Protein backbone atom coordinates (compact mmCIF):
# COMPACT_ATOMS: atom_id res chain seq x y z
CA MET A 1 -49.39 93.52 155.62
CA SER A 2 -49.45 96.49 153.11
CA ASN A 3 -51.26 96.16 149.90
CA LYS A 4 -48.35 98.31 148.00
CA VAL A 5 -45.61 96.97 145.99
CA ILE A 6 -42.77 98.74 144.50
CA HIS A 7 -41.86 98.00 140.58
CA ALA A 8 -38.28 98.33 139.91
CA ILE A 9 -37.31 98.51 136.37
CA PHE A 10 -33.73 97.13 135.19
CA ASP A 11 -32.16 97.12 131.99
CA ASP A 12 -29.68 94.12 132.29
CA ASP A 13 -30.20 90.36 133.08
CA ASP A 14 -26.90 90.01 135.08
CA VAL A 15 -27.99 93.23 137.16
CA LEU A 16 -31.41 91.82 137.83
CA LEU A 17 -30.15 88.62 139.01
CA GLU A 18 -27.87 90.29 141.37
CA ALA A 19 -30.87 92.57 142.57
CA VAL A 20 -32.82 89.54 143.17
CA LYS A 21 -30.31 87.93 145.36
CA ASN A 22 -29.37 91.42 147.11
CA VAL A 23 -33.47 91.84 147.91
CA ARG A 24 -33.83 88.25 148.95
CA GLU A 25 -30.89 88.43 151.40
CA ALA A 26 -32.53 91.69 153.00
CA ASN A 27 -35.61 89.45 153.62
CA HIS A 28 -37.98 91.21 151.49
CA HIS A 29 -40.78 88.81 149.41
CA ILE A 30 -40.50 89.08 145.59
CA GLU A 31 -43.92 89.03 144.31
CA GLU A 32 -42.95 88.46 140.45
CA VAL A 33 -40.24 89.42 138.08
CA TYR A 34 -41.21 90.17 134.21
CA THR A 35 -38.49 89.36 131.58
CA PRO A 36 -38.43 89.78 127.70
CA PHE A 37 -36.55 86.46 127.63
CA PRO A 38 -35.77 83.52 130.17
CA VAL A 39 -33.17 84.51 132.61
CA HIS A 40 -31.08 81.44 133.54
CA GLY A 41 -31.02 80.88 137.19
CA LEU A 42 -33.24 83.59 138.20
CA GLU A 43 -36.21 80.90 139.57
CA LYS A 44 -33.28 79.58 141.68
CA ALA A 45 -32.19 83.10 142.94
CA MET A 46 -36.13 83.57 143.60
CA GLY A 47 -36.25 80.60 145.72
CA ILE A 48 -39.03 79.01 143.18
CA ALA A 49 -39.62 75.45 143.99
CA ASN A 50 -38.96 72.85 141.35
CA THR A 51 -42.15 72.15 139.17
CA ARG A 52 -44.26 68.91 139.50
CA ILE A 53 -45.40 68.87 135.94
CA ALA A 54 -43.17 65.97 135.02
CA ILE A 55 -45.47 63.79 137.43
CA THR A 56 -48.68 65.27 135.52
CA ALA A 57 -46.91 64.04 132.29
CA PHE A 58 -46.43 60.68 133.26
CA ILE A 59 -49.97 60.23 134.69
CA TYR A 60 -51.51 61.90 131.39
CA GLY A 61 -49.04 59.17 129.59
CA LEU A 62 -50.39 56.47 131.52
CA THR A 63 -53.80 57.43 130.95
CA GLY A 64 -53.24 57.54 127.13
CA LEU A 65 -51.62 54.15 127.24
CA ALA A 66 -54.70 52.80 129.14
CA PHE A 67 -57.22 54.55 126.73
CA ALA A 68 -55.05 53.10 123.95
CA VAL A 69 -55.19 49.62 125.31
CA TRP A 70 -59.01 49.59 126.03
CA MET A 71 -59.82 51.49 122.67
CA MET A 72 -57.91 48.83 120.45
CA ASN A 73 -59.32 45.86 122.65
CA TYR A 74 -62.70 47.24 122.06
CA MET A 75 -62.48 47.94 118.55
CA MET A 76 -60.25 44.98 117.18
CA ILE A 77 -61.35 42.47 119.34
CA ASP A 78 -64.63 42.81 120.93
CA ASP A 79 -66.52 45.03 118.53
CA TRP A 80 -65.49 44.13 115.06
CA PRO A 81 -62.98 41.13 114.89
CA GLN A 82 -61.53 40.82 111.54
CA ASN A 83 -58.90 38.37 109.94
CA ILE A 84 -56.27 40.91 108.77
CA GLY A 85 -53.33 39.08 107.17
CA GLY A 86 -53.88 36.00 108.88
CA LYS A 87 -53.51 37.59 112.35
CA PRO A 88 -55.75 36.06 115.09
CA ASN A 89 -58.62 38.17 115.94
CA PHE A 90 -59.61 36.55 119.40
CA SER A 91 -56.85 37.60 121.60
CA TYR A 92 -55.51 41.02 122.46
CA ALA A 93 -52.28 39.27 123.68
CA GLU A 94 -51.63 37.78 120.50
CA ASN A 95 -52.08 41.10 118.37
CA MET A 96 -50.11 43.44 121.02
CA PRO A 97 -47.30 43.80 118.57
CA ALA A 98 -49.19 45.09 115.99
CA PHE A 99 -50.63 47.89 118.25
CA VAL A 100 -47.39 49.17 119.62
CA PRO A 101 -47.26 51.98 117.57
CA ILE A 102 -50.87 53.07 118.40
CA MET A 103 -50.09 52.92 122.03
CA PHE A 104 -46.91 54.62 121.53
CA GLU A 105 -48.80 57.64 119.65
CA LEU A 106 -51.68 57.91 122.13
CA THR A 107 -49.31 57.90 125.13
CA VAL A 108 -47.43 60.97 123.33
CA PHE A 109 -50.97 62.55 122.42
CA PHE A 110 -52.53 62.39 125.63
CA ALA A 111 -49.30 63.70 127.78
CA ALA A 112 -48.45 66.46 125.34
CA HIS A 113 -52.10 67.86 125.12
CA LEU A 114 -53.12 67.41 128.56
CA MET A 115 -49.87 68.99 129.85
CA VAL A 116 -50.55 72.26 127.49
CA ILE A 117 -53.89 72.29 129.07
CA THR A 118 -52.56 71.83 132.38
CA PHE A 119 -49.86 74.65 132.14
CA TYR A 120 -52.45 77.11 130.63
CA MET A 121 -54.68 76.35 133.74
CA ARG A 122 -51.97 76.71 136.29
CA SER A 123 -50.34 79.88 134.88
CA LYS A 124 -53.89 81.44 134.34
CA ILE A 125 -53.00 82.09 130.69
CA GLY A 126 -55.17 81.04 127.64
CA PRO A 127 -56.80 82.30 124.62
CA PHE A 128 -59.32 84.37 126.24
CA VAL A 129 -57.21 85.82 129.20
CA LYS A 130 -56.15 89.35 129.51
CA ALA A 131 -52.42 89.66 129.94
CA SER A 132 -51.19 91.14 133.66
CA ASN A 133 -48.32 92.59 132.45
CA PRO A 134 -47.68 95.97 134.70
CA ASP A 135 -45.20 97.45 132.22
CA PRO A 136 -45.24 96.95 128.48
CA ARG A 137 -41.51 97.63 128.37
CA THR A 138 -40.99 94.30 129.65
CA THR A 139 -41.74 92.80 126.34
CA ASP A 140 -39.23 94.52 124.64
CA ASP A 141 -35.92 95.28 126.50
CA LYS A 142 -36.85 95.91 130.27
CA PHE A 143 -36.93 93.77 133.31
CA LEU A 144 -39.32 94.44 135.96
CA MET A 145 -39.06 93.18 139.71
CA GLU A 146 -42.35 93.70 141.78
CA VAL A 147 -41.56 93.42 145.61
CA SER A 148 -44.09 93.78 148.27
CA VAL A 149 -43.58 96.54 150.81
CA ASP A 150 -43.50 95.20 154.41
CA GLY A 151 -41.61 98.02 155.92
CA ASP A 152 -40.13 101.39 154.95
CA VAL A 153 -40.45 102.17 151.63
CA ASN A 154 -37.53 104.43 151.27
CA GLU A 155 -35.11 101.72 152.68
CA LEU A 156 -36.43 99.26 149.80
CA THR A 157 -36.32 102.05 147.28
CA ASP A 158 -32.62 102.74 148.12
CA LEU A 159 -31.82 99.09 148.06
CA LEU A 160 -33.46 98.48 144.68
CA ASN A 161 -31.69 101.51 143.29
CA LYS A 162 -28.22 100.56 144.95
CA SER A 163 -28.54 97.32 143.43
CA GLY A 164 -28.95 98.61 139.81
CA ALA A 165 -32.63 99.71 139.26
CA ILE A 166 -33.02 102.59 136.80
CA GLU A 167 -36.35 103.18 137.79
CA THR A 168 -38.43 102.54 141.02
CA LYS A 169 -42.15 103.14 141.19
CA VAL A 170 -44.46 102.53 144.21
CA VAL A 171 -47.95 101.18 143.12
CA GLU A 172 -51.24 99.59 144.73
CA SER A 173 -51.10 95.81 144.67
CA HIS A 174 -53.63 94.47 142.28
């Protein structure tokens, strides 16, 4: 397998979307597409599978709920039981209606914060990670498609140019 890729620059998102479909129909592998804004339908055109982050969100929410139940039982029933407003202090089940807001808030807190951390780790981005953008114009008004070279470079370059690329460049893969 070659370690070269072609960077094709586009100036319109609709042209990019059509080019992605053309490149995939020609059985070439698209490594990545860099865009200045989300392009509707791009992930489907690239053949990217649906994310499973919703499953992790559910698991993180359950973790938050379990932590909330454990924390409130420990603090309000086991460690420091108090008679507040005549509520019984010896049974978690009798006090649970008063604990529902805390359970809800900790469920949301755990799900939201752990999903952000998971997203950063999965995407390999975060506070101290250097950006890996091959062309700074993709943060402004251009779109870049990175296609791996598996065969004839000229054929792939011609396909990209016919698909609407305004610029193509062969570079070494990183």
